Amino acid sequence: MAGRIVRWGVVLGLGGLWWWSVLRLALVPGAGVLEGAVAAGGWGLSLLPVHCVPKAKAKAKVRAWRGVAPSGTRGAVVRE
């Protein structure tokens, strides 16, 4: 439970820092390099493929989503 609270605190803190830097870049004429680096870094992190899985696991999930029976079994998978 404590780990979840800490994780959410970090996520919200970093998200707030990112929004602060973006708004400061947009609204304050004298915004500096620090704000630009934080904004660019946060945007760059959003491009990382953090939800990648091995190809076999991905195919199994797609088959399960479509309701196709896994190979080696008889019958169809019924979605509720």
PDB file of N, CA and C in Angstrom:
ATOM      1  N   MET A   1       0.827  -1.192   0.000  1.00  0.00           N
ATOM      2  CA  MET A   1       0.000   0.000   0.000  1.00  0.00           C
ATOM      3  C   MET A   1       0.872   1.257   0.000  1.00  0.00           C
ATOM      4  N   ALA A   2       1.916   1.256   0.821  1.00  0.00           N
ATOM      5  CA  ALA A   2       2.783   2.427   0.895  1.00  0.00           C
ATOM      6  C   ALA A   2       3.502   2.653  -0.430  1.00  0.00           C
ATOM      7  N   GLY A   3       3.866   1.547  -1.114  1.00  0.00           N
ATOM      8  CA  GLY A   3       4.525   1.665  -2.410  1.00  0.00           C
ATOM      9  C   GLY A   3       3.640   2.335  -3.443  1.00  0.00           C
ATOM     10  N   ARG A   4       2.363   2.003  -3.394  1.00  0.00           N
ATOM     11  CA  ARG A   4       1.411   2.605  -4.335  1.00  0.00           C
ATOM     12  C   ARG A   4       1.278   4.103  -4.077  1.00  0.00           C
ATOM     13  N   ILE A   5       1.238   4.488  -2.822  1.00  0.00           N
ATOM     14  CA  ILE A   5       1.115   5.910  -2.469  1.00  0.00           C
ATOM     15  C   ILE A   5       2.349   6.677  -2.922  1.00  0.00           C
ATOM     16  N   VAL A   6       3.517   6.094  -2.692  1.00  0.00           N
ATOM     17  CA  VAL A   6       4.764   6.740  -3.110  1.00  0.00           C
ATOM     18  C   VAL A   6       4.805   6.862  -4.627  1.00  0.00           C
ATOM     19  N   ARG A   7       4.424   5.799  -5.328  1.00  0.00           N
ATOM     20  CA  ARG A   7       4.428   5.815  -6.794  1.00  0.00           C
ATOM     21  C   ARG A   7       3.517   6.914  -7.323  1.00  0.00           C
ATOM     22  N   TRP A   8       2.309   7.003  -6.774  1.00  0.00           N
ATOM     23  CA  TRP A   8       1.387   8.052  -7.213  1.00  0.00           C
ATOM     24  C   TRP A   8       1.921   9.444  -6.872  1.00  0.00           C
ATOM     25  N   GLY A   9       2.558   9.571  -5.726  1.00  0.00           N
ATOM     26  CA  GLY A   9       3.150  10.855  -5.365  1.00  0.00           C
ATOM     27  C   GLY A   9       4.225  11.287  -6.350  1.00  0.00           C
ATOM     28  N   VAL A  10       5.065  10.341  -6.746  1.00  0.00           N
ATOM     29  CA  VAL A  10       6.114  10.644  -7.717  1.00  0.00           C
ATOM     30  C   VAL A  10       5.500  11.001  -9.069  1.00  0.00           C
ATOM     31  N   VAL A  11       4.522  10.226  -9.505  1.00  0.00           N
ATOM     32  CA  VAL A  11       3.884  10.492 -10.797  1.00  0.00           C
ATOM     33  C   VAL A  11       3.224  11.870 -10.804  1.00  0.00           C
ATOM     34  N   LEU A  12       2.475  12.173  -9.764  1.00  0.00           N
ATOM     35  CA  LEU A  12       1.807  13.476  -9.706  1.00  0.00           C
ATOM     36  C   LEU A  12       2.814  14.617  -9.584  1.00  0.00           C
ATOM     37  N   GLY A  13       3.865  14.413  -8.819  1.00  0.00           N
ATOM     38  CA  GLY A  13       4.892  15.439  -8.680  1.00  0.00           C
ATOM     39  C   GLY A  13       5.606  15.726  -9.993  1.00  0.00           C
ATOM     40  N   LEU A  14       6.013  14.675 -10.696  1.00  0.00           N
ATOM     41  CA  LEU A  14       6.685  14.872 -11.982  1.00  0.00           C
ATOM     42  C   LEU A  14       5.740  15.435 -13.033  1.00  0.00           C
ATOM     43  N   GLY A  15       4.485  15.007 -12.999  1.00  0.00           N
ATOM     44  CA  GLY A  15       3.505  15.565 -13.923  1.00  0.00           C
ATOM     45  C   GLY A  15       3.271  17.047 -13.669  1.00  0.00           C
ATOM     46  N   GLY A  16       3.196  17.424 -12.404  1.00  0.00           N
ATOM     47  CA  GLY A  16       3.045  18.836 -12.057  1.00  0.00           C
ATOM     48  C   GLY A  16       4.249  19.661 -12.478  1.00  0.00           C
ATOM     49  N   LEU A  17       5.442  19.102 -12.303  1.00  0.00           N
ATOM     50  CA  LEU A  17       6.658  19.790 -12.731  1.00  0.00           C
ATOM     51  C   LEU A  17       6.655  19.994 -14.240  1.00  0.00           C
ATOM     52  N   TRP A  18       6.236  18.958 -14.973  1.00  0.00           N
ATOM     53  CA  TRP A  18       6.189  19.070 -16.427  1.00  0.00           C
ATOM     54  C   TRP A  18       5.191  20.141 -16.863  1.00  0.00           C
ATOM     55  N   TRP A  19       3.992  20.137 -16.281  1.00  0.00           N
ATOM     56  CA  TRP A  19       3.002  21.149 -16.638  1.00  0.00           C
ATOM     57  C   TRP A  19       3.471  22.550 -16.273  1.00  0.00           C
ATOM     58  N   TRP A  20       4.141  22.670 -15.136  1.00  0.00           N
ATOM     59  CA  TRP A  20       4.680  23.974 -14.740  1.00  0.00           C
ATOM     60  C   TRP A  20       5.646  24.482 -15.802  1.00  0.00           C
ATOM     61  N   SER A  21       6.538  23.622 -16.271  1.00  0.00           N
ATOM     62  CA  SER A  21       7.529  24.052 -17.260  1.00  0.00           C
ATOM     63  C   SER A  21       6.865  24.401 -18.600  1.00  0.00           C
ATOM     64  N   VAL A  22       5.880  23.626 -19.015  1.00  0.00           N
ATOM     65  CA  VAL A  22       5.199  23.905 -20.283  1.00  0.00           C
ATOM     66  C   VAL A  22       4.441  25.225 -20.199  1.00  0.00           C
ATOM     67  N   LEU A  23       3.703  25.424 -19.109  1.00  0.00           N
ATOM     68  CA  LEU A  23       2.957  26.679 -18.963  1.00  0.00           C
ATOM     69  C   LEU A  23       3.892  27.875 -18.837  1.00  0.00           C
ATOM     70  N   ARG A  24       4.992  27.691 -18.154  1.00  0.00           N
ATOM     71  CA  ARG A  24       5.964  28.779 -18.022  1.00  0.00           C
ATOM     72  C   ARG A  24       6.565  29.124 -19.385  1.00  0.00           C
ATOM     73  N   LEU A  25       6.866  28.102 -20.191  1.00  0.00           N
ATOM     74  CA  LEU A  25       7.385  28.368 -21.543  1.00  0.00           C
ATOM     75  C   LEU A  25       6.362  29.116 -22.386  1.00  0.00           C
ATOM     76  N   ALA A  26       5.083  28.759 -22.229  1.00  0.00           N
ATOM     77  CA  ALA A  26       4.042  29.363 -23.055  1.00  0.00           C
ATOM     78  C   ALA A  26       3.663  30.767 -22.596  1.00  0.00           C
ATOM     79  N   LEU A  27       3.719  31.016 -21.286  1.00  0.00           N
ATOM     80  CA  LEU A  27       3.159  32.268 -20.769  1.00  0.00           C
ATOM     81  C   LEU A  27       4.183  33.310 -20.325  1.00  0.00           C
ATOM     82  N   VAL A  28       5.374  32.892 -19.973  1.00  0.00           N
ATOM     83  CA  VAL A  28       6.372  33.827 -19.451  1.00  0.00           C
ATOM     84  C   VAL A  28       7.393  34.138 -20.541  1.00  0.00           C
ATOM     85  N   PRO A  29       7.547  35.414 -20.879  1.00  0.00           N
ATOM     86  CA  PRO A  29       8.468  35.763 -21.959  1.00  0.00           C
ATOM     87  C   PRO A  29       9.930  35.399 -21.656  1.00  0.00           C
ATOM     88  N   GLY A  30      10.332  35.400 -20.403  1.00  0.00           N
ATOM     89  CA  GLY A  30      11.731  35.161 -20.071  1.00  0.00           C
ATOM     90  C   GLY A  30      12.021  33.740 -19.605  1.00  0.00           C
ATOM     91  N   ALA A  31      11.212  32.776 -20.020  1.00  0.00           N
ATOM     92  CA  ALA A  31      11.447  31.395 -19.598  1.00  0.00           C
ATOM     93  C   ALA A  31      12.776  30.918 -20.162  1.00  0.00           C
ATOM     94  N   GLY A  32      13.456  30.089 -19.376  1.00  0.00           N
ATOM     95  CA  GLY A  32      14.816  29.722 -19.741  1.00  0.00           C
ATOM     96  C   GLY A  32      14.982  28.310 -20.240  1.00  0.00           C
ATOM     97  N   VAL A  33      16.246  27.915 -20.225  1.00  0.00           N
ATOM     98  CA  VAL A  33      16.643  26.610 -20.738  1.00  0.00           C
ATOM     99  C   VAL A  33      16.140  25.487 -19.835  1.00  0.00           C
ATOM    100  N   LEU A  34      16.066  25.719 -18.553  1.00  0.00           N
ATOM    101  CA  LEU A  34      15.615  24.692 -17.619  1.00  0.00           C
ATOM    102  C   LEU A  34      14.186  24.249 -17.936  1.00  0.00           C
ATOM    103  N   GLU A  35      13.308  25.201 -18.145  1.00  0.00           N
ATOM    104  CA  GLU A  35      11.925  24.867 -18.469  1.00  0.00           C
ATOM    105  C   GLU A  35      11.833  24.111 -19.793  1.00  0.00           C
ATOM    106  N   GLY A  36      12.630  24.537 -20.756  1.00  0.00           N
ATOM    107  CA  GLY A  36      12.641  23.865 -22.046  1.00  0.00           C
ATOM    108  C   GLY A  36      13.147  22.435 -21.937  1.00  0.00           C
ATOM    109  N   ALA A  37      14.165  22.222 -21.118  1.00  0.00           N
ATOM    110  CA  ALA A  37      14.711  20.872 -20.946  1.00  0.00           C
ATOM    111  C   ALA A  37      13.713  19.956 -20.255  1.00  0.00           C
ATOM    112  N   VAL A  38      13.034  20.468 -19.236  1.00  0.00           N
ATOM    113  CA  VAL A  38      12.039  19.656 -18.529  1.00  0.00           C
ATOM    114  C   VAL A  38      10.884  19.310 -19.460  1.00  0.00           C
ATOM    115  N   ALA A  39      10.409  20.291 -20.228  1.00  0.00           N
ATOM    116  CA  ALA A  39       9.292  20.046 -21.147  1.00  0.00           C
ATOM    117  C   ALA A  39       9.692  19.060 -22.241  1.00  0.00           C
ATOM    118  N   ALA A  40      10.872  19.228 -22.815  1.00  0.00           N
ATOM    119  CA  ALA A  40      11.322  18.331 -23.875  1.00  0.00           C
ATOM    120  C   ALA A  40      11.574  16.929 -23.330  1.00  0.00           C
ATOM    121  N   GLY A  41      12.119  16.842 -22.134  1.00  0.00           N
ATOM    122  CA  GLY A  41      12.371  15.538 -21.532  1.00  0.00           C
ATOM    123  C   GLY A  41      11.091  14.785 -21.248  1.00  0.00           C
ATOM    124  N   GLY A  42      10.094  15.456 -20.729  1.00  0.00           N
ATOM    125  CA  GLY A  42       8.809  14.822 -20.461  1.00  0.00           C
ATOM    126  C   GLY A  42       8.120  14.379 -21.731  1.00  0.00           C
ATOM    127  N   TRP A  43       8.216  15.186 -22.782  1.00  0.00           N
ATOM    128  CA  TRP A  43       7.622  14.814 -24.050  1.00  0.00           C
ATOM    129  C   TRP A  43       8.359  13.616 -24.635  1.00  0.00           C
ATOM    130  N   GLY A  44       9.678  13.612 -24.515  1.00  0.00           N
ATOM    131  CA  GLY A  44      10.465  12.495 -25.021  1.00  0.00           C
ATOM    132  C   GLY A  44      10.153  11.200 -24.300  1.00  0.00           C
ATOM    133  N   LEU A  45       9.916  11.260 -23.005  1.00  0.00           N
ATOM    134  CA  LEU A  45       9.558  10.061 -22.251  1.00  0.00           C
ATOM    135  C   LEU A  45       8.228   9.491 -22.712  1.00  0.00           C
ATOM    136  N   SER A  46       7.341  10.350 -23.175  1.00  0.00           N
ATOM    137  CA  SER A  46       6.045   9.857 -23.627  1.00  0.00           C
ATOM    138  C   SER A  46       6.160   9.055 -24.920  1.00  0.00           C
ATOM    139  N   LEU A  47       7.273   9.172 -25.610  1.00  0.00           N
ATOM    140  CA  LEU A  47       7.470   8.436 -26.851  1.00  0.00           C
ATOM    141  C   LEU A  47       8.082   7.063 -26.642  1.00  0.00           C
ATOM    142  N   LEU A  48       8.529   6.766 -25.427  1.00  0.00           N
ATOM    143  CA  LEU A  48       9.140   5.466 -25.165  1.00  0.00           C
ATOM    144  C   LEU A  48       8.113   4.345 -25.283  1.00  0.00           C
ATOM    145  N   PRO A  49       8.496   3.227 -25.868  1.00  0.00           N
ATOM    146  CA  PRO A  49       7.566   2.100 -25.980  1.00  0.00           C
ATOM    147  C   PRO A  49       7.542   1.286 -24.689  1.00  0.00           C
ATOM    148  N   VAL A  50       6.916   1.809 -23.668  1.00  0.00           N
ATOM    149  CA  VAL A  50       6.933   1.155 -22.360  1.00  0.00           C
ATOM    150  C   VAL A  50       5.937   0.007 -22.257  1.00  0.00           C
ATOM    151  N   HIS A  51       5.080  -0.152 -23.250  1.00  0.00           N
ATOM    152  CA  HIS A  51       4.089  -1.216 -23.202  1.00  0.00           C
ATOM    153  C   HIS A  51       4.420  -2.345 -24.172  1.00  0.00           C
ATOM    154  N   CYS A  52       5.700  -2.520 -24.485  1.00  0.00           N
ATOM    155  CA  CYS A  52       6.108  -3.578 -25.397  1.00  0.00           C
ATOM    156  C   CYS A  52       6.131  -4.919 -24.670  1.00  0.00           C
ATOM    157  N   VAL A  53       5.727  -5.962 -25.383  1.00  0.00           N
ATOM    158  CA  VAL A  53       5.757  -7.325 -24.861  1.00  0.00           C
ATOM    159  C   VAL A  53       6.345  -8.222 -25.941  1.00  0.00           C
ATOM    160  N   PRO A  54       6.837  -9.402 -25.580  1.00  0.00           N
ATOM    161  CA  PRO A  54       7.333 -10.328 -26.589  1.00  0.00           C
ATOM    162  C   PRO A  54       6.233 -10.676 -27.596  1.00  0.00           C
ATOM    163  N   LYS A  55       6.652 -10.961 -28.823  1.00  0.00           N
ATOM    164  CA  LYS A  55       5.702 -11.192 -29.909  1.00  0.00           C
ATOM    165  C   LYS A  55       4.724 -12.329 -29.602  1.00  0.00           C
ATOM    166  N   ALA A  56       5.202 -13.431 -29.033  1.00  0.00           N
ATOM    167  CA  ALA A  56       4.318 -14.560 -28.735  1.00  0.00           C
ATOM    168  C   ALA A  56       3.249 -14.181 -27.722  1.00  0.00           C
ATOM    169  N   LYS A  57       3.641 -13.424 -26.708  1.00  0.00           N
ATOM    170  CA  LYS A  57       2.681 -13.004 -25.687  1.00  0.00           C
ATOM    171  C   LYS A  57       1.654 -12.036 -26.287  1.00  0.00           C
ATOM    172  N   ALA A  58       2.111 -11.152 -27.161  1.00  0.00           N
ATOM    173  CA  ALA A  58       1.209 -10.194 -27.795  1.00  0.00           C
ATOM    174  C   ALA A  58       0.193 -10.922 -28.674  1.00  0.00           C
ATOM    175  N   LYS A  59       0.663 -11.919 -29.430  1.00  0.00           N
ATOM    176  CA  LYS A  59      -0.261 -12.671 -30.287  1.00  0.00           C
ATOM    177  C   LYS A  59      -1.303 -13.406 -29.447  1.00  0.00           C
ATOM    178  N   ALA A  60      -0.869 -13.977 -28.317  1.00  0.00           N
ATOM    179  CA  ALA A  60      -1.810 -14.689 -27.447  1.00  0.00           C
ATOM    180  C   ALA A  60      -2.869 -13.736 -26.902  1.00  0.00           C
ATOM    181  N   LYS A  61      -2.461 -12.534 -26.549  1.00  0.00           N
ATOM    182  CA  LYS A  61      -3.426 -11.558 -26.036  1.00  0.00           C
ATOM    183  C   LYS A  61      -4.409 -11.125 -27.120  1.00  0.00           C
ATOM    184  N   VAL A  62      -3.913 -10.959 -28.339  1.00  0.00           N
ATOM    185  CA  VAL A  62      -4.804 -10.582 -29.444  1.00  0.00           C
ATOM    186  C   VAL A  62      -5.797 -11.702 -29.711  1.00  0.00           C
ATOM    187  N   ARG A  63      -5.322 -12.956 -29.719  1.00  0.00           N
ATOM    188  CA  ARG A  63      -6.225 -14.083 -29.932  1.00  0.00           C
ATOM    189  C   ARG A  63      -7.282 -14.144 -28.837  1.00  0.00           C
ATOM    190  N   ALA A  64      -6.873 -13.928 -27.595  1.00  0.00           N
ATOM    191  CA  ALA A  64      -7.818 -13.967 -26.480  1.00  0.00           C
ATOM    192  C   ALA A  64      -8.846 -12.845 -26.608  1.00  0.00           C
ATOM    193  N   TRP A  65      -8.398 -11.676 -27.035  1.00  0.00           N
ATOM    194  CA  TRP A  65      -9.303 -10.539 -27.189  1.00  0.00           C
ATOM    195  C   TRP A  65     -10.341 -10.806 -28.270  1.00  0.00           C
ATOM    196  N   ARG A  66      -9.893 -11.470 -29.348  1.00  0.00           N
ATOM    197  CA  ARG A  66     -10.802 -11.761 -30.460  1.00  0.00           C
ATOM    198  C   ARG A  66     -11.700 -12.959 -30.188  1.00  0.00           C
ATOM    199  N   GLY A  67     -11.424 -13.712 -29.134  1.00  0.00           N
ATOM    200  CA  GLY A  67     -12.247 -14.856 -28.793  1.00  0.00           C
ATOM    201  C   GLY A  67     -11.847 -16.120 -29.525  1.00  0.00           C
ATOM    202  N   VAL A  68     -10.607 -16.201 -29.990  1.00  0.00           N
ATOM    203  CA  VAL A  68     -10.118 -17.376 -30.699  1.00  0.00           C
ATOM    204  C   VAL A  68      -9.521 -18.330 -29.684  1.00  0.00           C
ATOM    205  N   ALA A  69      -9.803 -19.616 -29.843  1.00  0.00           N
ATOM    206  CA  ALA A  69      -9.279 -20.620 -28.913  1.00  0.00           C
ATOM    207  C   ALA A  69      -7.774 -20.741 -29.084  1.00  0.00           C
ATOM    208  N   PRO A  70      -7.029 -20.871 -27.983  1.00  0.00           N
ATOM    209  CA  PRO A  70      -5.594 -21.081 -28.085  1.00  0.00           C
ATOM    210  C   PRO A  70      -5.298 -22.392 -28.797  1.00  0.00           C
ATOM    211  N   SER A  71      -4.156 -22.467 -29.462  1.00  0.00           N
ATOM    212  CA  SER A  71      -3.813 -23.691 -30.185  1.00  0.00           C
ATOM    213  C   SER A  71      -3.639 -24.838 -29.191  1.00  0.00           C
ATOM    214  N   GLY A  72      -4.087 -26.026 -29.592  1.00  0.00           N
ATOM    215  CA  GLY A  72      -3.983 -27.198 -28.724  1.00  0.00           C
ATOM    216  C   GLY A  72      -5.212 -27.414 -27.880  1.00  0.00           C
ATOM    217  N   THR A  73      -6.222 -26.602 -27.994  1.00  0.00           N
ATOM    218  CA  THR A  73      -7.454 -26.801 -27.228  1.00  0.00           C
ATOM    219  C   THR A  73      -8.608 -26.972 -28.192  1.00  0.00           C
ATOM    220  N   ARG A  74      -9.652 -27.554 -27.703  1.00  0.00           N
ATOM    221  CA  ARG A  74     -10.848 -27.731 -28.537  1.00  0.00           C
ATOM    222  C   ARG A  74     -11.920 -26.753 -28.073  1.00  0.00           C
ATOM    223  N   GLY A  75     -12.699 -26.324 -29.015  1.00  0.00           N
ATOM    224  CA  GLY A  75     -13.777 -25.398 -28.680  1.00  0.00           C
ATOM    225  C   GLY A  75     -13.330 -23.951 -28.781  1.00  0.00           C
ATOM    226  N   ALA A  76     -14.269 -23.072 -28.672  1.00  0.00           N
ATOM    227  CA  ALA A  76     -13.973 -21.648 -28.765  1.00  0.00           C
ATOM    228  C   ALA A  76     -14.000 -21.009 -27.397  1.00  0.00           C
ATOM    229  N   VAL A  77     -13.246 -19.964 -27.288  1.00  0.00           N
ATOM    230  CA  VAL A  77     -13.256 -19.191 -26.046  1.00  0.00           C
ATOM    231  C   VAL A  77     -14.471 -18.281 -26.094  1.00  0.00           C
ATOM    232  N   VAL A  78     -15.259 -18.285 -25.061  1.00  0.00           N
ATOM    233  CA  VAL A  78     -16.479 -17.473 -25.026  1.00  0.00           C
ATOM    234  C   VAL A  78     -16.197 -16.222 -24.218  1.00  0.00           C
ATOM    235  N   ARG A  79     -16.436 -15.080 -24.847  1.00  0.00           N
ATOM    236  CA  ARG A  79     -16.268 -13.826 -24.129  1.00  0.00           C
ATOM    237  C   ARG A  79     -17.571 -13.458 -23.454  1.00  0.00           C
ATOM    238  N   GLU A  80     -17.467 -12.910 -22.284  1.00  0.00           N
ATOM    239  CA  GLU A  80     -18.677 -12.521 -21.552  1.00  0.00           C
ATOM    240  C   GLU A  80     -18.920 -11.049 -21.695  1.00  0.00           C
TER     241      GLU A  80
END
